[in-house]
Amino acid sequence: KKRAKTCEDVPAAVSEWSHMEDLPWSWPARVDAIAGGAYGDCPGATDDTGAELTWRQLAEASRVVGKALRRRGLTGSPSSAYPQSAGEIVRAPPPVAVMLPHTAEALAIILGVLRQ
């Protein structure tokens, strides 16, 4: 009998996420993939205030932030410091600084910004 997956299995399940190798490298895409899987209701972010967001909540909150930024016309041009093919030379995009407290909510905001 196969044991049901639990949140405690998340670290051991990283090898099961190999299907994500096919995704373009993007933290929002990775969070969405985890949120849509068996571990979506497991903690995705916690902070010192006691706040906790599941992977699903983290993905949804970041989508809300991304949509709000788009409605206000704040969008970016996709660029990546990661090569898309073997041997490709890429230039790192200019750095961006985001000054937010170290909270679970701030992580959702940063992921929302990255969706742009």
C-alpha atoms as a PDB file:
ATOM      1  CA  LYS A   1       0.000   0.000   0.000  1.00  0.00           C
ATOM      2  CA  LYS A   2       1.407   3.379  -1.002  1.00  0.00           C
ATOM      3  CA  ARG A   3       1.612   5.924   1.803  1.00  0.00           C
ATOM      4  CA  ALA A   4      -0.248   9.214   1.254  1.00  0.00           C
ATOM      5  CA  LYS A   5       1.935  12.252   0.670  1.00  0.00           C
ATOM      6  CA  THR A   6       2.134  14.705   3.545  1.00  0.00           C
ATOM      7  CA  CYS A   7       3.729  18.096   4.034  1.00  0.00           C
ATOM      8  CA  GLU A   8       6.604  16.388   5.859  1.00  0.00           C
ATOM      9  CA  ASP A   9       7.433  14.644   2.562  1.00  0.00           C
ATOM     10  CA  VAL A  10       8.133  17.915   0.724  1.00  0.00           C
ATOM     11  CA  PRO A  11      11.947  17.925   1.146  1.00  0.00           C
ATOM     12  CA  ALA A  12      12.147  14.282   0.052  1.00  0.00           C
ATOM     13  CA  ALA A  13       9.864  14.971  -2.917  1.00  0.00           C
ATOM     14  CA  VAL A  14      12.210  17.379  -4.668  1.00  0.00           C
ATOM     15  CA  SER A  15      13.239  14.595  -7.052  1.00  0.00           C
ATOM     16  CA  GLU A  16       9.573  14.255  -8.074  1.00  0.00           C
ATOM     17  CA  TRP A  17       9.697  17.842  -9.321  1.00  0.00           C
ATOM     18  CA  SER A  18      12.031  16.896 -12.176  1.00  0.00           C
ATOM     19  CA  HIS A  19       9.145  17.614 -14.580  1.00  0.00           C
ATOM     20  CA  MET A  20       9.786  21.273 -13.797  1.00  0.00           C
ATOM     21  CA  GLU A  21      13.017  21.052 -15.795  1.00  0.00           C
ATOM     22  CA  ASP A  22      10.799  21.546 -18.851  1.00  0.00           C
ATOM     23  CA  LEU A  23       9.527  24.876 -17.503  1.00  0.00           C
ATOM     24  CA  PRO A  24      11.246  28.110 -18.456  1.00  0.00           C
ATOM     25  CA  TRP A  25      13.239  29.190 -15.398  1.00  0.00           C
ATOM     26  CA  SER A  26      10.996  31.464 -13.407  1.00  0.00           C
ATOM     27  CA  TRP A  27      10.297  31.524  -9.692  1.00  0.00           C
ATOM     28  CA  PRO A  28       6.595  32.319 -10.258  1.00  0.00           C
ATOM     29  CA  ALA A  29       6.336  29.339 -12.648  1.00  0.00           C
ATOM     30  CA  ARG A  30       8.029  27.079 -10.085  1.00  0.00           C
ATOM     31  CA  VAL A  31       5.718  28.268  -7.300  1.00  0.00           C
ATOM     32  CA  ASP A  32       2.678  27.732  -9.564  1.00  0.00           C
ATOM     33  CA  ALA A  33       3.863  24.189 -10.361  1.00  0.00           C
ATOM     34  CA  ILE A  34       4.273  23.330  -6.675  1.00  0.00           C
ATOM     35  CA  ALA A  35       0.969  25.034  -5.788  1.00  0.00           C
ATOM     36  CA  GLY A  36      -0.872  22.976  -8.388  1.00  0.00           C
ATOM     37  CA  GLY A  37       0.602  19.691  -7.192  1.00  0.00           C
ATOM     38  CA  ALA A  38       0.230  17.370  -4.249  1.00  0.00           C
ATOM     39  CA  TYR A  39       1.967  19.802  -1.879  1.00  0.00           C
ATOM     40  CA  GLY A  40      -0.096  22.904  -2.694  1.00  0.00           C
ATOM     41  CA  ASP A  41      -1.672  22.975   0.766  1.00  0.00           C
ATOM     42  CA  CYS A  42       1.671  22.624   2.557  1.00  0.00           C
ATOM     43  CA  PRO A  43       3.452  25.650   4.037  1.00  0.00           C
ATOM     44  CA  GLY A  44       5.247  27.610   1.325  1.00  0.00           C
ATOM     45  CA  ALA A  45       6.322  30.594   3.414  1.00  0.00           C
ATOM     46  CA  THR A  46       6.409  31.434   7.105  1.00  0.00           C
ATOM     47  CA  ASP A  47       7.801  34.388   8.988  1.00  0.00           C
ATOM     48  CA  ASP A  48       8.692  35.600  12.469  1.00  0.00           C
ATOM     49  CA  THR A  49       5.254  37.163  12.969  1.00  0.00           C
ATOM     50  CA  GLY A  50       3.678  33.698  12.829  1.00  0.00           C
ATOM     51  CA  ALA A  51       2.148  34.257   9.395  1.00  0.00           C
ATOM     52  CA  GLU A  52       2.044  31.238   7.134  1.00  0.00           C
ATOM     53  CA  LEU A  53       1.061  30.929   3.476  1.00  0.00           C
ATOM     54  CA  THR A  54       0.577  27.628   1.698  1.00  0.00           C
ATOM     55  CA  TRP A  55       2.100  27.226  -1.756  1.00  0.00           C
ATOM     56  CA  ARG A  56      -1.407  27.777  -3.207  1.00  0.00           C
ATOM     57  CA  GLN A  57      -1.939  30.947  -1.180  1.00  0.00           C
ATOM     58  CA  LEU A  58       1.519  32.203  -2.117  1.00  0.00           C
ATOM     59  CA  ALA A  59       0.847  31.601  -5.823  1.00  0.00           C
ATOM     60  CA  GLU A  60      -2.595  33.234  -5.686  1.00  0.00           C
ATOM     61  CA  ALA A  61      -1.411  36.266  -3.706  1.00  0.00           C
ATOM     62  CA  SER A  62       1.458  36.817  -6.144  1.00  0.00           C
ATOM     63  CA  ARG A  63      -0.947  36.585  -9.110  1.00  0.00           C
ATOM     64  CA  VAL A  64      -3.127  39.253  -7.484  1.00  0.00           C
ATOM     65  CA  VAL A  65      -0.067  41.517  -7.117  1.00  0.00           C
ATOM     66  CA  GLY A  66       0.984  40.865 -10.722  1.00  0.00           C
ATOM     67  CA  LYS A  67      -2.505  41.685 -12.047  1.00  0.00           C
ATOM     68  CA  ALA A  68      -2.657  44.874  -9.977  1.00  0.00           C
ATOM     69  CA  LEU A  69       0.697  46.011 -11.363  1.00  0.00           C
ATOM     70  CA  ARG A  70      -0.444  45.294 -14.943  1.00  0.00           C
ATOM     71  CA  ARG A  71      -3.685  47.260 -14.417  1.00  0.00           C
ATOM     72  CA  ARG A  72      -1.541  50.217 -13.399  1.00  0.00           C
ATOM     73  CA  GLY A  73       0.630  49.834 -16.495  1.00  0.00           C
ATOM     74  CA  LEU A  74       3.659  48.589 -14.560  1.00  0.00           C
ATOM     75  CA  THR A  75       5.024  45.824 -16.748  1.00  0.00           C
ATOM     76  CA  GLY A  76       8.495  44.695 -17.631  1.00  0.00           C
ATOM     77  CA  SER A  77      10.301  43.245 -20.591  1.00  0.00           C
ATOM     78  CA  PRO A  78      11.140  39.598 -20.115  1.00  0.00           C
ATOM     79  CA  SER A  79      14.849  39.002 -19.892  1.00  0.00           C
ATOM     80  CA  SER A  80      16.844  36.389 -18.096  1.00  0.00           C
ATOM     81  CA  ALA A  81      20.364  35.869 -16.875  1.00  0.00           C
ATOM     82  CA  TYR A  82      19.846  32.149 -17.536  1.00  0.00           C
ATOM     83  CA  PRO A  83      20.688  30.712 -20.978  1.00  0.00           C
ATOM     84  CA  GLN A  84      17.739  29.312 -22.919  1.00  0.00           C
ATOM     85  CA  SER A  85      19.927  26.957 -24.977  1.00  0.00           C
ATOM     86  CA  ALA A  86      23.341  25.342 -24.666  1.00  0.00           C
ATOM     87  CA  GLY A  87      26.158  27.756 -25.435  1.00  0.00           C
ATOM     88  CA  GLU A  88      23.931  30.835 -25.429  1.00  0.00           C
ATOM     89  CA  ILE A  89      25.595  33.919 -24.000  1.00  0.00           C
ATOM     90  CA  VAL A  90      23.266  36.075 -21.958  1.00  0.00           C
ATOM     91  CA  ARG A  91      23.655  39.462 -20.367  1.00  0.00           C
ATOM     92  CA  ALA A  92      22.398  39.885 -16.861  1.00  0.00           C
ATOM     93  CA  PRO A  93      19.532  42.368 -16.609  1.00  0.00           C
ATOM     94  CA  PRO A  94      20.118  45.474 -14.494  1.00  0.00           C
ATOM     95  CA  PRO A  95      19.703  44.701 -10.790  1.00  0.00           C
ATOM     96  CA  VAL A  96      16.511  45.678  -9.036  1.00  0.00           C
ATOM     97  CA  ALA A  97      16.260  46.401  -5.318  1.00  0.00           C
ATOM     98  CA  VAL A  98      13.013  45.792  -3.455  1.00  0.00           C
ATOM     99  CA  MET A  99      12.907  47.078   0.111  1.00  0.00           C
ATOM    100  CA  LEU A 100      10.289  45.159   2.070  1.00  0.00           C
ATOM    101  CA  PRO A 101      10.125  43.590   5.516  1.00  0.00           C
ATOM    102  CA  HIS A 102      11.059  39.917   5.837  1.00  0.00           C
ATOM    103  CA  THR A 103       7.511  38.567   5.876  1.00  0.00           C
ATOM    104  CA  ALA A 104       5.509  35.911   4.058  1.00  0.00           C
ATOM    105  CA  GLU A 105       3.385  38.694   2.543  1.00  0.00           C
ATOM    106  CA  ALA A 106       6.508  40.440   1.224  1.00  0.00           C
ATOM    107  CA  LEU A 107       7.554  37.216  -0.518  1.00  0.00           C
ATOM    108  CA  ALA A 108       4.167  37.115  -2.275  1.00  0.00           C
ATOM    109  CA  ILE A 109       4.705  40.736  -3.366  1.00  0.00           C
ATOM    110  CA  ILE A 110       8.175  39.984  -4.726  1.00  0.00           C
ATOM    111  CA  LEU A 111       6.830  36.984  -6.665  1.00  0.00           C
ATOM    112  CA  GLY A 112       4.090  39.261  -8.034  1.00  0.00           C
ATOM    113  CA  VAL A 113       6.727  41.727  -9.217  1.00  0.00           C
ATOM    114  CA  LEU A 114       8.628  38.857 -10.859  1.00  0.00           C
ATOM    115  CA  ARG A 115       5.462  37.957 -12.776  1.00  0.00           C
ATOM    116  CA  GLN A 116       6.022  41.201 -14.673  1.00  0.00           C
END
